[in-house]
Amino acid sequence: MRGSLLFTILTMLACSPVNPVNLPSKTVSEPSARSHDVVTAAGDDQTPRVAQESQELRVRVVEPVRVPVVGKIAPRVQGAAHDGAIIDTDTLRGHYVVLYFYPKDETPGCTKQACAFRDAWKDLSKDGAVMIGISADSDESHRKFVSRYKLPFLLLSDTDGSLAAKFEVPVNKGRTARQTIVIAPDGTVKRIYRKVDVSAHAQEVLSDLK
């Protein structure tokens, strides 16, 4: 009987699944899709839901637009003056630059303003200041204006209003508002005149250059 019992136990052990040292069984799940895998159904031509990490990132770099703010770098002014001289304010560092916007050549207020700058030119220019008058008039109109009143500074034509827009100067029916921007030798905006009294403005600007 003892032999029969031993045979029965051995038979049961042989038929049981082996789990060494009674370690608990562990269920292994399938690995999930990694972040860099493309997930898409077979034959599906739609855009994958997960982009590959190696996909090139395209970034369009936009040059920041300068706006006239006192103490900040002034917007750049480029163009050909009435006499053909090339103007680029970024190359005028080390000098004061006076940009005076005005409505129209030969009109009473603009003529008075221009002649006041002319009469004060010796003091305005003695330290190398550069003055540029800007309006929507043509180069030919500027040449006649300069010749008639013997203006010693440059005039720049802004027929499309793009320069006025850079300095937030309004243009109405082809006439630019009368405003002045004074740029310091380091290229920063020193003073912005949004309202101008032509009878006193030359002396105001002169005081800014000291």
Foldseek 3Di string as FASTA:
>chain_A
DVVVVVVVVVVVVVPDDDDPPPDDDDDDDDDDDDLQDFDDDVPDPDDTPRHHPPDDDDDDDDDDADEADFPAFAGWDWDAWLVRDTDTVVVQQVAKEKEWEWFDAPDPLVLLLQLLCQVCVCLCCVSNYAYEYEFQDDSVSVVVSCVVNVRPHTYDHDNPCPVVVRHVFDADPRTTQTKMWIAHSRRHTNDIGNDDDSVCVSVVVSVSRD
